[in-house]
C-alpha atoms as a PDB file:
ATOM      1  CA  UNK A   1      29.828 251.466 -18.796  1.00  0.00           C
ATOM      2  CA  UNK A   2      29.730 255.264 -19.142  1.00  0.00           C
ATOM      3  CA  UNK A   3      27.220 256.579 -16.648  1.00  0.00           C
ATOM      4  CA  UNK A   4      26.631 260.412 -16.758  1.00  0.00           C
ATOM      5  CA  UNK A   5      25.097 261.823 -13.531  1.00  0.00           C
ATOM      6  CA  UNK A   6      21.803 262.612 -15.238  1.00  0.00           C
ATOM      7  CA  UNK A   7      21.362 258.960 -16.307  1.00  0.00           C
ATOM      8  CA  UNK A   8      22.747 257.367 -13.144  1.00  0.00           C
ATOM      9  CA  UNK A   9      20.734 255.148 -10.789  1.00  0.00           C
ATOM     10  CA  UNK A  10      22.733 254.083  -7.688  1.00  0.00           C
ATOM     11  CA  UNK A  11      20.053 253.070  -5.192  1.00  0.00           C
ATOM     12  CA  UNK A  12      20.408 249.351  -4.459  1.00  0.00           C
ATOM     13  CA  UNK A  13      16.677 248.907  -3.773  1.00  0.00           C
ATOM     14  CA  UNK A  14      15.894 250.243  -7.248  1.00  0.00           C
ATOM     15  CA  UNK A  15      18.669 248.311  -8.992  1.00  0.00           C
ATOM     16  CA  UNK A  16      17.690 245.058  -7.316  1.00  0.00           C
ATOM     17  CA  UNK A  17      14.105 245.467  -8.475  1.00  0.00           C
ATOM     18  CA  UNK A  18      15.387 246.075 -12.031  1.00  0.00           C
ATOM     19  CA  UNK A  19      17.328 242.785 -11.828  1.00  0.00           C
ATOM     20  CA  UNK A  20      14.303 240.930 -10.526  1.00  0.00           C
ATOM     21  CA  UNK A  21      12.276 242.379 -13.429  1.00  0.00           C
ATOM     22  CA  UNK A  22      14.993 241.604 -15.967  1.00  0.00           C
ATOM     23  CA  UNK A  23      16.773 238.545 -14.500  1.00  0.00           C
ATOM     24  CA  UNK A  24      18.592 237.426 -17.604  1.00  0.00           C
ATOM     25  CA  UNK A  25      22.095 238.788 -17.188  1.00  0.00           C
ATOM     26  CA  UNK A  26      25.273 238.550 -19.307  1.00  0.00           C
ATOM     27  CA  UNK A  27      27.978 236.930 -17.165  1.00  0.00           C
ATOM     28  CA  UNK A  28      31.500 238.063 -18.326  1.00  0.00           C
ATOM     29  CA  UNK A  29      34.686 236.535 -16.916  1.00  0.00           C
ATOM     30  CA  UNK A  30      38.429 237.009 -17.432  1.00  0.00           C
ATOM     31  CA  UNK A  31      40.162 233.656 -16.747  1.00  0.00           C
ATOM     32  CA  UNK A  32      43.591 233.017 -18.075  1.00  0.00           C
ATOM     33  CA  UNK A  33      44.332 229.440 -19.067  1.00  0.00           C
ATOM     34  CA  UNK A  34      45.645 227.302 -21.879  1.00  0.00           C
ATOM     35  CA  UNK A  35      42.342 225.667 -22.962  1.00  0.00           C
ATOM     36  CA  UNK A  36      39.860 228.601 -23.331  1.00  0.00           C
ATOM     37  CA  UNK A  37      39.597 232.249 -24.429  1.00  0.00           C
ATOM     38  CA  UNK A  38      40.582 234.814 -21.812  1.00  0.00           C
ATOM     39  CA  UNK A  39      37.220 236.647 -22.058  1.00  0.00           C
ATOM     40  CA  UNK A  40      34.019 234.654 -22.097  1.00  0.00           C
ATOM     41  CA  UNK A  41      30.282 235.592 -21.677  1.00  0.00           C
ATOM     42  CA  UNK A  42      27.027 233.691 -21.161  1.00  0.00           C
ATOM     43  CA  UNK A  43      23.450 234.636 -20.674  1.00  0.00           C
ATOM     44  CA  UNK A  44      22.280 233.360 -17.306  1.00  0.00           C
ATOM     45  CA  UNK A  45      19.131 234.038 -15.262  1.00  0.00           C
ATOM     46  CA  UNK A  46      19.890 235.272 -11.722  1.00  0.00           C
ATOM     47  CA  UNK A  47      18.410 235.751  -8.307  1.00  0.00           C
ATOM     48  CA  UNK A  48      19.418 238.732  -6.246  1.00  0.00           C
ATOM     49  CA  UNK A  49      19.346 238.888  -2.507  1.00  0.00           C
ATOM     50  CA  UNK A  50      19.754 242.054  -0.374  1.00  0.00           C
ATOM     51  CA  UNK A  51      18.458 243.614   2.791  1.00  0.00           C
ATOM     52  CA  UNK A  52      19.512 247.288   2.056  1.00  0.00           C
ATOM     53  CA  UNK A  53      20.702 247.806   5.667  1.00  0.00           C
ATOM     54  CA  UNK A  54      23.602 249.989   4.490  1.00  0.00           C
ATOM     55  CA  UNK A  55      24.327 251.988   1.361  1.00  0.00           C
ATOM     56  CA  UNK A  56      27.621 250.027   1.175  1.00  0.00           C
ATOM     57  CA  UNK A  57      25.909 246.634   1.086  1.00  0.00           C
ATOM     58  CA  UNK A  58      25.000 245.695  -2.423  1.00  0.00           C
ATOM     59  CA  UNK A  59      23.754 242.093  -1.822  1.00  0.00           C
ATOM     60  CA  UNK A  60      24.411 238.806  -3.614  1.00  0.00           C
ATOM     61  CA  UNK A  61      23.664 237.433  -7.106  1.00  0.00           C
ATOM     62  CA  UNK A  62      23.009 233.669  -7.383  1.00  0.00           C
ATOM     63  CA  UNK A  63      22.991 231.761 -10.656  1.00  0.00           C
ATOM     64  CA  UNK A  64      23.946 228.517 -12.397  1.00  0.00           C
ATOM     65  CA  UNK A  65      25.556 227.582 -15.678  1.00  0.00           C
ATOM     66  CA  UNK A  66      25.676 224.353 -17.680  1.00  0.00           C
ATOM     67  CA  UNK A  67      28.775 222.300 -16.891  1.00  0.00           C
ATOM     68  CA  UNK A  68      29.532 221.760 -20.591  1.00  0.00           C
ATOM     69  CA  UNK A  69      29.596 225.519 -21.243  1.00  0.00           C
ATOM     70  CA  UNK A  70      33.186 226.509 -22.035  1.00  0.00           C
ATOM     71  CA  UNK A  71      32.958 229.340 -19.582  1.00  0.00           C
ATOM     72  CA  UNK A  72      32.083 226.824 -16.748  1.00  0.00           C
ATOM     73  CA  UNK A  73      35.016 224.618 -17.895  1.00  0.00           C
ATOM     74  CA  UNK A  74      37.378 227.586 -17.673  1.00  0.00           C
ATOM     75  CA  UNK A  75      36.152 228.256 -14.086  1.00  0.00           C
ATOM     76  CA  UNK A  76      36.633 224.713 -13.066  1.00  0.00           C
ATOM     77  CA  UNK A  77      39.973 224.447 -14.711  1.00  0.00           C
ATOM     78  CA  UNK A  78      41.231 227.534 -12.894  1.00  0.00           C
ATOM     79  CA  UNK A  79      39.963 226.407  -9.521  1.00  0.00           C
ATOM     80  CA  UNK A  80      41.388 222.931  -9.915  1.00  0.00           C
ATOM     81  CA  UNK A  81      44.837 224.506 -10.001  1.00  0.00           C
ATOM     82  CA  UNK A  82      44.250 225.859  -6.489  1.00  0.00           C
ATOM     83  CA  UNK A  83      42.882 222.860  -4.451  1.00  0.00           C
ATOM     84  CA  UNK A  84      40.348 224.021  -1.799  1.00  0.00           C
ATOM     85  CA  UNK A  85      39.616 227.380  -3.446  1.00  0.00           C
ATOM     86  CA  UNK A  86      36.162 228.208  -4.672  1.00  0.00           C
ATOM     87  CA  UNK A  87      36.648 231.858  -5.584  1.00  0.00           C
ATOM     88  CA  UNK A  88      37.725 233.092  -8.907  1.00  0.00           C
ATOM     89  CA  UNK A  89      40.905 235.177  -8.780  1.00  0.00           C
ATOM     90  CA  UNK A  90      39.493 238.094 -10.845  1.00  0.00           C
ATOM     91  CA  UNK A  91      36.133 239.809 -10.294  1.00  0.00           C
ATOM     92  CA  UNK A  92      33.342 239.120 -12.732  1.00  0.00           C
ATOM     93  CA  UNK A  93      30.943 241.420 -14.538  1.00  0.00           C
ATOM     94  CA  UNK A  94      27.219 240.866 -15.068  1.00  0.00           C
ATOM     95  CA  UNK A  95      25.163 243.212 -17.199  1.00  0.00           C
ATOM     96  CA  UNK A  96      21.354 243.344 -17.180  1.00  0.00           C
ATOM     97  CA  UNK A  97      19.383 245.088 -19.960  1.00  0.00           C
ATOM     98  CA  UNK A  98      15.843 246.465 -19.844  1.00  0.00           C
ATOM     99  CA  UNK A  99      13.114 244.805 -21.945  1.00  0.00           C
ATOM    100  CA  UNK A 100      13.024 247.647 -24.550  1.00  0.00           C
ATOM    101  CA  UNK A 101      15.407 249.924 -26.328  1.00  0.00           C
ATOM    102  CA  UNK A 102      14.931 252.245 -29.229  1.00  0.00           C
ATOM    103  CA  UNK A 103      16.671 254.412 -31.850  1.00  0.00           C
ATOM    104  CA  UNK A 104      16.003 258.123 -31.419  1.00  0.00           C
ATOM    105  CA  UNK A 105      15.973 260.111 -34.622  1.00  0.00           C
ATOM    106  CA  UNK A 106      16.901 263.824 -34.539  1.00  0.00           C
ATOM    107  CA  UNK A 107      13.542 264.586 -36.098  1.00  0.00           C
ATOM    108  CA  UNK A 108      11.920 263.934 -32.743  1.00  0.00           C
ATOM    109  CA  UNK A 109      13.608 266.989 -31.193  1.00  0.00           C
ATOM    110  CA  UNK A 110      10.964 269.631 -31.585  1.00  0.00           C
ATOM    111  CA  UNK A 111      12.776 272.406 -29.756  1.00  0.00           C
ATOM    112  CA  UNK A 112      16.456 272.252 -30.708  1.00  0.00           C
ATOM    113  CA  UNK A 113      16.325 270.907 -34.251  1.00  0.00           C
ATOM    114  CA  UNK A 114      14.098 273.770 -35.636  1.00  0.00           C
ATOM    115  CA  UNK A 115      16.035 276.476 -33.850  1.00  0.00           C
ATOM    116  CA  UNK A 116      19.746 275.625 -34.206  1.00  0.00           C
ATOM    117  CA  UNK A 117      19.885 272.174 -35.789  1.00  0.00           C
ATOM    118  CA  UNK A 118      22.561 270.955 -33.406  1.00  0.00           C
ATOM    119  CA  UNK A 119      21.170 267.458 -32.813  1.00  0.00           C
ATOM    120  CA  UNK A 120      22.302 263.901 -33.721  1.00  0.00           C
ATOM    121  CA  UNK A 121      20.818 260.478 -33.458  1.00  0.00           C
ATOM    122  CA  UNK A 122      21.100 258.379 -30.261  1.00  0.00           C
ATOM    123  CA  UNK A 123      19.779 255.241 -28.679  1.00  0.00           C
ATOM    124  CA  UNK A 124      17.747 255.020 -25.553  1.00  0.00           C
ATOM    125  CA  UNK A 125      17.950 252.069 -23.138  1.00  0.00           C
ATOM    126  CA  UNK A 126      18.212 250.937 -19.567  1.00  0.00           C
ATOM    127  CA  UNK A 127      21.002 248.727 -18.181  1.00  0.00           C
ATOM    128  CA  UNK A 128      22.514 247.730 -14.865  1.00  0.00           C
ATOM    129  CA  UNK A 129      26.054 246.481 -14.335  1.00  0.00           C
ATOM    130  CA  UNK A 130      27.245 244.372 -11.406  1.00  0.00           C
ATOM    131  CA  UNK A 131      30.875 243.712 -10.366  1.00  0.00           C
ATOM    132  CA  UNK A 132      31.724 241.214  -7.777  1.00  0.00           C
ATOM    133  CA  UNK A 133      33.707 238.221  -6.395  1.00  0.00           C
ATOM    134  CA  UNK A 134      32.393 234.884  -7.584  1.00  0.00           C
ATOM    135  CA  UNK A 135      32.229 231.725  -5.583  1.00  0.00           C
ATOM    136  CA  UNK A 136      31.807 228.583  -7.695  1.00  0.00           C
ATOM    137  CA  UNK A 137      30.054 225.416  -6.648  1.00  0.00           C
ATOM    138  CA  UNK A 138      31.327 222.653  -8.836  1.00  0.00           C
ATOM    139  CA  UNK A 139      32.076 219.599  -6.558  1.00  0.00           C
ATOM    140  CA  UNK A 140      29.071 217.430  -7.047  1.00  0.00           C
ATOM    141  CA  UNK A 141      30.161 215.363  -3.959  1.00  0.00           C
ATOM    142  CA  UNK A 142      30.108 218.389  -1.714  1.00  0.00           C
ATOM    143  CA  UNK A 143      27.032 218.878   0.566  1.00  0.00           C
ATOM    144  CA  UNK A 144      27.457 222.632  -0.102  1.00  0.00           C
ATOM    145  CA  UNK A 145      26.988 221.990  -3.882  1.00  0.00           C
ATOM    146  CA  UNK A 146      23.565 220.244  -3.323  1.00  0.00           C
ATOM    147  CA  UNK A 147      22.289 222.775  -0.787  1.00  0.00           C
ATOM    148  CA  UNK A 148      23.230 225.744  -3.066  1.00  0.00           C
ATOM    149  CA  UNK A 149      21.620 224.326  -6.190  1.00  0.00           C
ATOM    150  CA  UNK A 150      18.494 223.131  -4.339  1.00  0.00           C
ATOM    151  CA  UNK A 151      17.883 226.633  -3.109  1.00  0.00           C
ATOM    152  CA  UNK A 152      18.899 228.280  -6.375  1.00  0.00           C
ATOM    153  CA  UNK A 153      16.706 226.153  -8.560  1.00  0.00           C
ATOM    154  CA  UNK A 154      13.755 226.512  -6.201  1.00  0.00           C
ATOM    155  CA  UNK A 155      14.034 230.307  -5.849  1.00  0.00           C
ATOM    156  CA  UNK A 156      14.658 230.915  -9.582  1.00  0.00           C
ATOM    157  CA  UNK A 157      11.736 228.722 -10.616  1.00  0.00           C
ATOM    158  CA  UNK A 158       9.431 230.422  -8.018  1.00  0.00           C
ATOM    159  CA  UNK A 159      10.408 233.924  -9.197  1.00  0.00           C
ATOM    160  CA  UNK A 160       9.996 233.072 -12.894  1.00  0.00           C
ATOM    161  CA  UNK A 161       6.722 231.203 -12.449  1.00  0.00           C
ATOM    162  CA  UNK A 162       5.085 233.909 -10.324  1.00  0.00           C
ATOM    163  CA  UNK A 163       6.139 236.528 -12.901  1.00  0.00           C
ATOM    164  CA  UNK A 164       4.733 234.411 -15.628  1.00  0.00           C
ATOM    165  CA  UNK A 165       1.439 233.888 -13.887  1.00  0.00           C
ATOM    166  CA  UNK A 166       1.029 237.634 -13.253  1.00  0.00           C
ATOM    167  CA  UNK A 167       1.091 238.109 -16.974  1.00  0.00           C
ATOM    168  CA  UNK A 168      -1.228 235.186 -17.699  1.00  0.00           C
ATOM    169  CA  UNK A 169      -4.954 235.495 -18.165  1.00  0.00           C
ATOM    170  CA  UNK A 170      -5.443 232.152 -16.383  1.00  0.00           C
ATOM    171  CA  UNK A 171      -6.068 233.304 -12.841  1.00  0.00           C
ATOM    172  CA  UNK A 172      -6.517 229.728 -11.540  1.00  0.00           C
ATOM    173  CA  UNK A 173      -3.192 228.420 -12.796  1.00  0.00           C
ATOM    174  CA  UNK A 174      -0.668 227.087 -10.232  1.00  0.00           C
ATOM    175  CA  UNK A 175       3.059 227.772 -10.495  1.00  0.00           C
ATOM    176  CA  UNK A 176       5.305 224.880 -11.622  1.00  0.00           C
ATOM    177  CA  UNK A 177       7.622 223.797  -8.765  1.00  0.00           C
ATOM    178  CA  UNK A 178      10.873 221.858  -8.881  1.00  0.00           C
ATOM    179  CA  UNK A 179       9.277 219.156  -6.787  1.00  0.00           C
ATOM    180  CA  UNK A 180       6.771 218.548  -9.598  1.00  0.00           C
ATOM    181  CA  UNK A 181       9.558 216.794 -11.506  1.00  0.00           C
ATOM    182  CA  UNK A 182      10.888 213.260 -10.452  1.00  0.00           C
ATOM    183  CA  UNK A 183      13.537 213.781  -7.764  1.00  0.00           C
ATOM    184  CA  UNK A 184      15.922 211.410  -9.588  1.00  0.00           C
ATOM    185  CA  UNK A 185      15.634 213.490 -12.716  1.00  0.00           C
ATOM    186  CA  UNK A 186      16.488 216.703 -10.884  1.00  0.00           C
ATOM    187  CA  UNK A 187      19.506 215.093  -9.196  1.00  0.00           C
ATOM    188  CA  UNK A 188      20.764 213.978 -12.598  1.00  0.00           C
ATOM    189  CA  UNK A 189      20.379 217.466 -14.028  1.00  0.00           C
ATOM    190  CA  UNK A 190      22.092 219.053 -11.026  1.00  0.00           C
ATOM    191  CA  UNK A 191      25.217 217.142 -11.814  1.00  0.00           C
ATOM    192  CA  UNK A 192      25.444 218.897 -15.188  1.00  0.00           C
ATOM    193  CA  UNK A 193      25.304 222.320 -13.516  1.00  0.00           C
ATOM    194  CA  UNK A 194      27.761 224.641 -11.826  1.00  0.00           C
ATOM    195  CA  UNK A 195      26.519 227.090  -9.164  1.00  0.00           C
ATOM    196  CA  UNK A 196      27.654 230.735  -9.056  1.00  0.00           C
ATOM    197  CA  UNK A 197      27.365 233.052  -6.056  1.00  0.00           C
ATOM    198  CA  UNK A 198      28.612 236.621  -6.533  1.00  0.00           C
ATOM    199  CA  UNK A 199      29.239 238.903  -3.669  1.00  0.00           C
ATOM    200  CA  UNK A 200      28.467 242.277  -5.188  1.00  0.00           C
ATOM    201  CA  UNK A 201      31.160 244.898  -4.805  1.00  0.00           C
ATOM    202  CA  UNK A 202      29.842 247.485  -7.288  1.00  0.00           C
ATOM    203  CA  UNK A 203      26.299 248.137  -8.479  1.00  0.00           C
ATOM    204  CA  UNK A 204      25.192 250.882 -10.868  1.00  0.00           C
ATOM    205  CA  UNK A 205      22.542 251.607 -13.522  1.00  0.00           C
ATOM    206  CA  UNK A 206      22.279 253.814 -16.535  1.00  0.00           C
ATOM    207  CA  UNK A 207      18.688 254.710 -17.419  1.00  0.00           C
ATOM    208  CA  UNK A 208      19.419 256.645 -20.653  1.00  0.00           C
ATOM    209  CA  UNK A 209      15.906 257.949 -21.552  1.00  0.00           C
ATOM    210  CA  UNK A 210      16.378 261.582 -22.649  1.00  0.00           C
ATOM    211  CA  UNK A 211      15.380 262.765 -19.241  1.00  0.00           C
ATOM    212  CA  UNK A 212      18.018 265.573 -19.295  1.00  0.00           C
ATOM    213  CA  UNK A 213      16.876 267.066 -22.608  1.00  0.00           C
ATOM    214  CA  UNK A 214      14.972 270.311 -22.900  1.00  0.00           C
ATOM    215  CA  UNK A 215      11.281 269.892 -22.230  1.00  0.00           C
ATOM    216  CA  UNK A 216      10.244 270.449 -25.879  1.00  0.00           C
ATOM    217  CA  UNK A 217      12.826 267.963 -27.146  1.00  0.00           C
ATOM    218  CA  UNK A 218      11.966 265.366 -24.467  1.00  0.00           C
ATOM    219  CA  UNK A 219       8.218 265.618 -25.181  1.00  0.00           C
ATOM    220  CA  UNK A 220       8.966 265.465 -28.859  1.00  0.00           C
ATOM    221  CA  UNK A 221      10.717 262.068 -28.351  1.00  0.00           C
ATOM    222  CA  UNK A 222       7.919 260.757 -26.152  1.00  0.00           C
ATOM    223  CA  UNK A 223       5.307 261.764 -28.725  1.00  0.00           C
ATOM    224  CA  UNK A 224       7.391 260.617 -31.696  1.00  0.00           C
ATOM    225  CA  UNK A 225       7.889 257.145 -30.238  1.00  0.00           C
ATOM    226  CA  UNK A 226       4.237 256.892 -29.432  1.00  0.00           C
ATOM    227  CA  UNK A 227       3.339 257.830 -33.053  1.00  0.00           C
ATOM    228  CA  UNK A 228       5.434 254.966 -34.395  1.00  0.00           C
ATOM    229  CA  UNK A 229       2.548 252.650 -33.484  1.00  0.00           C
ATOM    230  CA  UNK A 230       4.998 249.792 -32.728  1.00  0.00           C
ATOM    231  CA  UNK A 231       5.002 247.864 -29.447  1.00  0.00           C
ATOM    232  CA  UNK A 232       8.635 248.873 -28.794  1.00  0.00           C
ATOM    233  CA  UNK A 233       7.952 252.525 -29.561  1.00  0.00           C
ATOM    234  CA  UNK A 234       4.838 252.632 -27.360  1.00  0.00           C
ATOM    235  CA  UNK A 235       6.579 250.895 -24.464  1.00  0.00           C
ATOM    236  CA  UNK A 236       9.623 253.135 -24.697  1.00  0.00           C
ATOM    237  CA  UNK A 237       7.418 256.262 -24.821  1.00  0.00           C
ATOM    238  CA  UNK A 238       5.588 255.145 -21.636  1.00  0.00           C
ATOM    239  CA  UNK A 239       8.912 254.293 -19.894  1.00  0.00           C
ATOM    240  CA  UNK A 240      10.415 257.711 -20.882  1.00  0.00           C
ATOM    241  CA  UNK A 241       7.431 259.578 -19.503  1.00  0.00           C
ATOM    242  CA  UNK A 242       7.705 257.803 -16.183  1.00  0.00           C
ATOM    243  CA  UNK A 243      11.447 258.288 -15.842  1.00  0.00           C
ATOM    244  CA  UNK A 244      11.098 261.921 -16.919  1.00  0.00           C
ATOM    245  CA  UNK A 245       8.587 262.556 -14.077  1.00  0.00           C
ATOM    246  CA  UNK A 246      10.930 260.862 -11.651  1.00  0.00           C
ATOM    247  CA  UNK A 247      13.891 262.933 -12.918  1.00  0.00           C
ATOM    248  CA  UNK A 248      11.943 266.223 -12.643  1.00  0.00           C
ATOM    249  CA  UNK A 249      10.699 265.410  -9.112  1.00  0.00           C
ATOM    250  CA  UNK A 250      14.246 264.571  -7.970  1.00  0.00           C
ATOM    251  CA  UNK A 251      15.694 267.731  -9.539  1.00  0.00           C
ATOM    252  CA  UNK A 252      12.992 269.845  -7.938  1.00  0.00           C
ATOM    253  CA  UNK A 253      13.721 268.212  -4.600  1.00  0.00           C
ATOM    254  CA  UNK A 254      17.406 268.997  -4.876  1.00  0.00           C
ATOM    255  CA  UNK A 255      16.633 272.618  -5.601  1.00  0.00           C
ATOM    256  CA  UNK A 256      14.402 272.873  -2.542  1.00  0.00           C
END
């Protein structure tokens, strides 16, 4: 992903929170084998762990994938050729997208378009990319398999349920827990899953929200999106205003 300096976000604490707020990531693998395509991708919800003790420590992503998924089959096939190995040979990529994106028409640029006309359309969005080494839990008879999936399913459900309840108007609702379902049912489902644990090697975000534009152009985009009256336009307008304030504060701090 192309990440210009003015759109770049590299702080692990910020990127981890972005992943927690937008946990559905696109897992992309490159696994050479006779039975499956080289490049495969699947949308998977993730849990991210990190303590931020060092700028060089990016944390861990945890997820799971359905065993019948061709991508899971490719992983198992590759690892079965190296008995005892649980790590994929090639690093994997996971991309997380923000909840809103929007087309930006040149008509929004109120400073540059009227003066010199050198403007073109673009698209605003937020995205985070993760590269790392993947450990695969696929042996259903291994105690490690059960322990990983028990924690993964519990943590993922807890995160998603709490986020759901925060958006709900029912303040007395209780979150659903894995233990609410019959244990035998959960054990059966687990056998149809494959666990994935990614040691993050590289973590970066691109928050492309016109923050580097001239003030008149940037404000024109914010106002233009607001005037669309659509939910996406209004949300993008609010997000742009927030990121612009952060960008200006950071720029001012660098100058001082």
